C-alpha atoms as a PDB file:
ATOM      1  CA  MET A   1       0.000   0.000   0.000  1.00  0.00           C
ATOM      2  CA  SER A   2       2.800   2.349  -0.916  1.00  0.00           C
ATOM      3  CA  GLU A   3       0.786   4.417  -3.406  1.00  0.00           C
ATOM      4  CA  ARG A   4      -1.674   7.125  -2.325  1.00  0.00           C
ATOM      5  CA  GLU A   5      -4.349   5.950  -4.736  1.00  0.00           C
ATOM      6  CA  THR A   6      -4.068   2.392  -3.383  1.00  0.00           C
ATOM      7  CA  ARG A   7      -4.459   3.584   0.198  1.00  0.00           C
ATOM      8  CA  ALA A   8      -7.447   5.727  -0.821  1.00  0.00           C
ATOM      9  CA  ALA A   9      -9.118   2.828  -2.662  1.00  0.00           C
ATOM     10  CA  LEU A  10      -8.601   0.437   0.239  1.00  0.00           C
ATOM     11  CA  ALA A  11      -9.930   2.988   2.742  1.00  0.00           C
ATOM     12  CA  MET A  12     -13.007   3.413   0.566  1.00  0.00           C
ATOM     13  CA  ILE A  13     -13.498  -0.364   0.358  1.00  0.00           C
ATOM     14  CA  ARG A  14     -13.245  -0.631   4.148  1.00  0.00           C
ATOM     15  CA  ALA A  15     -15.804   2.140   4.558  1.00  0.00           C
ATOM     16  CA  ILE A  16     -18.287   1.000   1.903  1.00  0.00           C
ATOM     17  CA  ARG A  17     -17.794  -2.790   2.238  1.00  0.00           C
ATOM     18  CA  PRO A  18     -18.962  -3.486  -1.337  1.00  0.00           C
ATOM     19  CA  ASP A  19     -20.306  -6.827  -2.495  1.00  0.00           C
ATOM     20  CA  VAL A  20     -18.368  -6.414  -5.752  1.00  0.00           C
ATOM     21  CA  THR A  21     -15.480  -4.310  -6.979  1.00  0.00           C
ATOM     22  CA  ILE A  22     -14.106  -4.483 -10.490  1.00  0.00           C
ATOM     23  CA  TRP A  23     -10.489  -3.576 -11.122  1.00  0.00           C
ATOM     24  CA  TYR A  24      -9.794  -2.718 -14.759  1.00  0.00           C
ATOM     25  CA  HIS A  25      -6.359  -3.098 -16.292  1.00  0.00           C
ATOM     26  CA  GLN A  26      -5.007  -3.447 -19.820  1.00  0.00           C
ATOM     27  CA  HIS A  27      -4.117  -5.240 -22.080  1.00  0.00           C
ATOM     28  CA  ARG A  28      -4.472  -9.004 -21.697  1.00  0.00           C
ATOM     29  CA  ALA A  29      -8.115  -9.127 -22.905  1.00  0.00           C
ATOM     30  CA  MET A  30      -9.427 -11.473 -20.228  1.00  0.00           C
ATOM     31  CA  THR A  31     -11.518 -11.800 -17.111  1.00  0.00           C
ATOM     32  CA  VAL A  32      -9.185 -13.128 -14.412  1.00  0.00           C
ATOM     33  CA  ARG A  33     -10.517 -16.299 -12.764  1.00  0.00           C
ATOM     34  CA  PRO A  34     -10.917 -15.537  -9.048  1.00  0.00           C
ATOM     35  CA  PRO A  35     -10.655 -18.018  -6.165  1.00  0.00           C
ATOM     36  CA  LEU A  36     -13.697 -19.922  -4.845  1.00  0.00           C
ATOM     37  CA  PRO A  37     -16.511 -21.398  -6.942  1.00  0.00           C
ATOM     38  CA  TRP A  38     -19.117 -18.716  -6.132  1.00  0.00           C
ATOM     39  CA  ARG A  39     -16.701 -15.960  -7.159  1.00  0.00           C
ATOM     40  CA  GLU A  40     -15.822 -17.903 -10.280  1.00  0.00           C
ATOM     41  CA  ALA A  41     -19.536 -18.184 -11.122  1.00  0.00           C
ATOM     42  CA  LEU A  42     -20.003 -14.398 -10.939  1.00  0.00           C
ATOM     43  CA  ALA A  43     -16.800 -13.798 -12.912  1.00  0.00           C
ATOM     44  CA  GLY A  44     -18.077 -16.263 -15.520  1.00  0.00           C
ATOM     45  CA  VAL A  45     -21.220 -14.172 -15.899  1.00  0.00           C
ATOM     46  CA  TYR A  46     -19.066 -11.074 -16.425  1.00  0.00           C
ATOM     47  CA  ALA A  47     -16.973 -12.947 -18.990  1.00  0.00           C
ATOM     48  CA  ARG A  48     -20.001 -14.174 -20.949  1.00  0.00           C
ATOM     49  CA  VAL A  49     -21.772 -10.811 -21.006  1.00  0.00           C
ATOM     50  CA  SER A  50     -18.630  -8.786 -21.800  1.00  0.00           C
ATOM     51  CA  GLY A  51     -17.254 -11.239 -24.344  1.00  0.00           C
ATOM     52  CA  LEU A  52     -13.872 -11.503 -22.592  1.00  0.00           C
ATOM     53  CA  PRO A  53     -12.742 -15.065 -21.864  1.00  0.00           C
ATOM     54  CA  MET A  54     -12.142 -16.084 -18.254  1.00  0.00           C
ATOM     55  CA  ARG A  55      -8.646 -17.412 -17.577  1.00  0.00           C
ATOM     56  CA  PHE A  56      -6.185 -17.835 -14.764  1.00  0.00           C
ATOM     57  CA  TYR A  57      -3.730 -14.955 -14.675  1.00  0.00           C
ATOM     58  CA  PRO A  58      -0.696 -16.003 -16.722  1.00  0.00           C
ATOM     59  CA  GLY A  59       2.620 -16.097 -14.971  1.00  0.00           C
ATOM     60  CA  PRO A  60       3.531 -16.374 -11.313  1.00  0.00           C
ATOM     61  CA  GLU A  61       0.922 -15.976  -8.599  1.00  0.00           C
ATOM     62  CA  LEU A  62       0.494 -12.336  -7.657  1.00  0.00           C
ATOM     63  CA  HIS A  63       0.693 -11.488  -3.959  1.00  0.00           C
ATOM     64  CA  GLY A  64      -0.359  -8.252  -2.317  1.00  0.00           C
ATOM     65  CA  THR A  65      -2.866  -7.251  -4.961  1.00  0.00           C
ATOM     66  CA  ALA A  66      -5.920  -5.148  -4.176  1.00  0.00           C
ATOM     67  CA  SER A  67      -8.173  -8.065  -5.095  1.00  0.00           C
ATOM     68  CA  SER A  68      -6.390 -10.534  -2.802  1.00  0.00           C
ATOM     69  CA  TRP A  69      -6.428  -7.947  -0.006  1.00  0.00           C
ATOM     70  CA  GLN A  70     -10.171  -7.395  -0.477  1.00  0.00           C
ATOM     71  CA  HIS A  71     -10.895 -11.133  -0.488  1.00  0.00           C
ATOM     72  CA  ALA A  72      -9.003 -11.460   2.821  1.00  0.00           C
ATOM     73  CA  GLU A  73     -10.592  -8.345   4.348  1.00  0.00           C
ATOM     74  CA  LEU A  74     -14.138  -9.013   3.062  1.00  0.00           C
ATOM     75  CA  PRO A  75     -14.440 -12.774   2.453  1.00  0.00           C
ATOM     76  CA  ALA A  76     -18.047 -12.487   1.251  1.00  0.00           C
ATOM     77  CA  SER A  77     -17.122 -10.038  -1.519  1.00  0.00           C
ATOM     78  CA  LEU A  78     -15.906 -10.389  -5.097  1.00  0.00           C
ATOM     79  CA  ALA A  79     -12.931  -8.333  -6.228  1.00  0.00           C
ATOM     80  CA  LEU A  80     -12.946  -9.006  -9.951  1.00  0.00           C
ATOM     81  CA  VAL A  81      -9.984  -8.186 -12.176  1.00  0.00           C
ATOM     82  CA  VAL A  82     -10.780  -7.456 -15.814  1.00  0.00           C
ATOM     83  CA  GLU A  83      -7.951  -7.059 -18.298  1.00  0.00           C
ATOM     84  CA  LEU A  84      -9.306  -4.998 -21.190  1.00  0.00           C
ATOM     85  CA  PRO A  85      -7.880  -5.359 -24.681  1.00  0.00           C
ATOM     86  CA  ALA A  86      -5.224  -2.886 -25.782  1.00  0.00           C
ATOM     87  CA  GLY A  87      -6.473   0.449 -27.060  1.00  0.00           C
ATOM     88  CA  ALA A  88      -9.805   2.181 -26.709  1.00  0.00           C
ATOM     89  CA  LEU A  89     -13.057   0.249 -26.514  1.00  0.00           C
ATOM     90  CA  ASP A  90     -15.545   0.944 -29.267  1.00  0.00           C
ATOM     91  CA  ALA A  91     -19.133   1.852 -28.352  1.00  0.00           C
ATOM     92  CA  ALA A  92     -20.300  -1.757 -28.581  1.00  0.00           C
ATOM     93  CA  GLY A  93     -17.490  -2.858 -26.243  1.00  0.00           C
ATOM     94  CA  VAL A  94     -18.410  -0.173 -23.731  1.00  0.00           C
ATOM     95  CA  HIS A  95     -22.037  -1.307 -23.822  1.00  0.00           C
ATOM     96  CA  ARG A  96     -21.030  -4.961 -23.269  1.00  0.00           C
ATOM     97  CA  HIS A  97     -18.924  -4.042 -20.239  1.00  0.00           C
ATOM     98  CA  VAL A  98     -21.647  -1.833 -18.793  1.00  0.00           C
ATOM     99  CA  ALA A  99     -24.125  -4.693 -19.219  1.00  0.00           C
ATOM    100  CA  ALA A 100     -21.655  -7.074 -17.547  1.00  0.00           C
ATOM    101  CA  VAL A 101     -21.202  -4.723 -14.574  1.00  0.00           C
ATOM    102  CA  ARG A 102     -24.953  -4.315 -14.145  1.00  0.00           C
ATOM    103  CA  THR A 103     -25.585  -8.049 -14.406  1.00  0.00           C
ATOM    104  CA  VAL A 104     -22.905  -9.024 -11.890  1.00  0.00           C
ATOM    105  CA  ALA A 105     -23.953  -6.267  -9.487  1.00  0.00           C
ATOM    106  CA  THR A 106     -27.567  -7.398  -9.638  1.00  0.00           C
ATOM    107  CA  LEU A 107     -26.657 -11.056  -9.116  1.00  0.00           C
ATOM    108  CA  ALA A 108     -24.327 -10.250  -6.220  1.00  0.00           C
ATOM    109  CA  ARG A 109     -26.949  -8.110  -4.538  1.00  0.00           C
ATOM    110  CA  PHE A 110     -29.898 -10.460  -4.886  1.00  0.00           C
ATOM    111  CA  ASP A 111     -28.238 -13.870  -4.963  1.00  0.00           C
ATOM    112  CA  GLY A 112     -25.242 -13.254  -2.747  1.00  0.00           C
ATOM    113  CA  ALA A 113     -26.319 -15.536   0.078  1.00  0.00           C
ATOM    114  CA  ASP A 114     -27.139 -18.325  -2.391  1.00  0.00           C
ATOM    115  CA  VAL A 115     -23.846 -18.338  -4.286  1.00  0.00           C
ATOM    116  CA  ARG A 116     -21.596 -18.271  -1.253  1.00  0.00           C
END
C-alpha cells in the first residue's frame, strides 16, 4: 500500500464494504478467474456478457494485490480483475462491459447468500 491511490481505494473499500469491486487493467483481454466457486460463477457471468474469456492470470501468482487484499478483508465479496484489450473500446465494447457490470452487481446483490 505504498501508493496514495491504493491507500485511498482500500480505505473506501473498508468504509463502503462493497459486495463487488471491479479492477480494470489493460491489455491481456481477459476476465481473471478468481478463487472460490461462487466468485468464479459471478466472474463467468461477467466474462459471458462482456465477451472476454475467463482465464487464470498467466505467470507467477500475484501477492499483495488489491483483489487478494479485499478477499481477505471481506471474504463475502468479489474483487474481480478485468484485463481490457489494448487500445480504446468501441461503443459496442463499452455497452457490453456496462451490461456485464450491471448483471454481476444485480446477481451479487440479490443472490449473494445463495452463491456463497
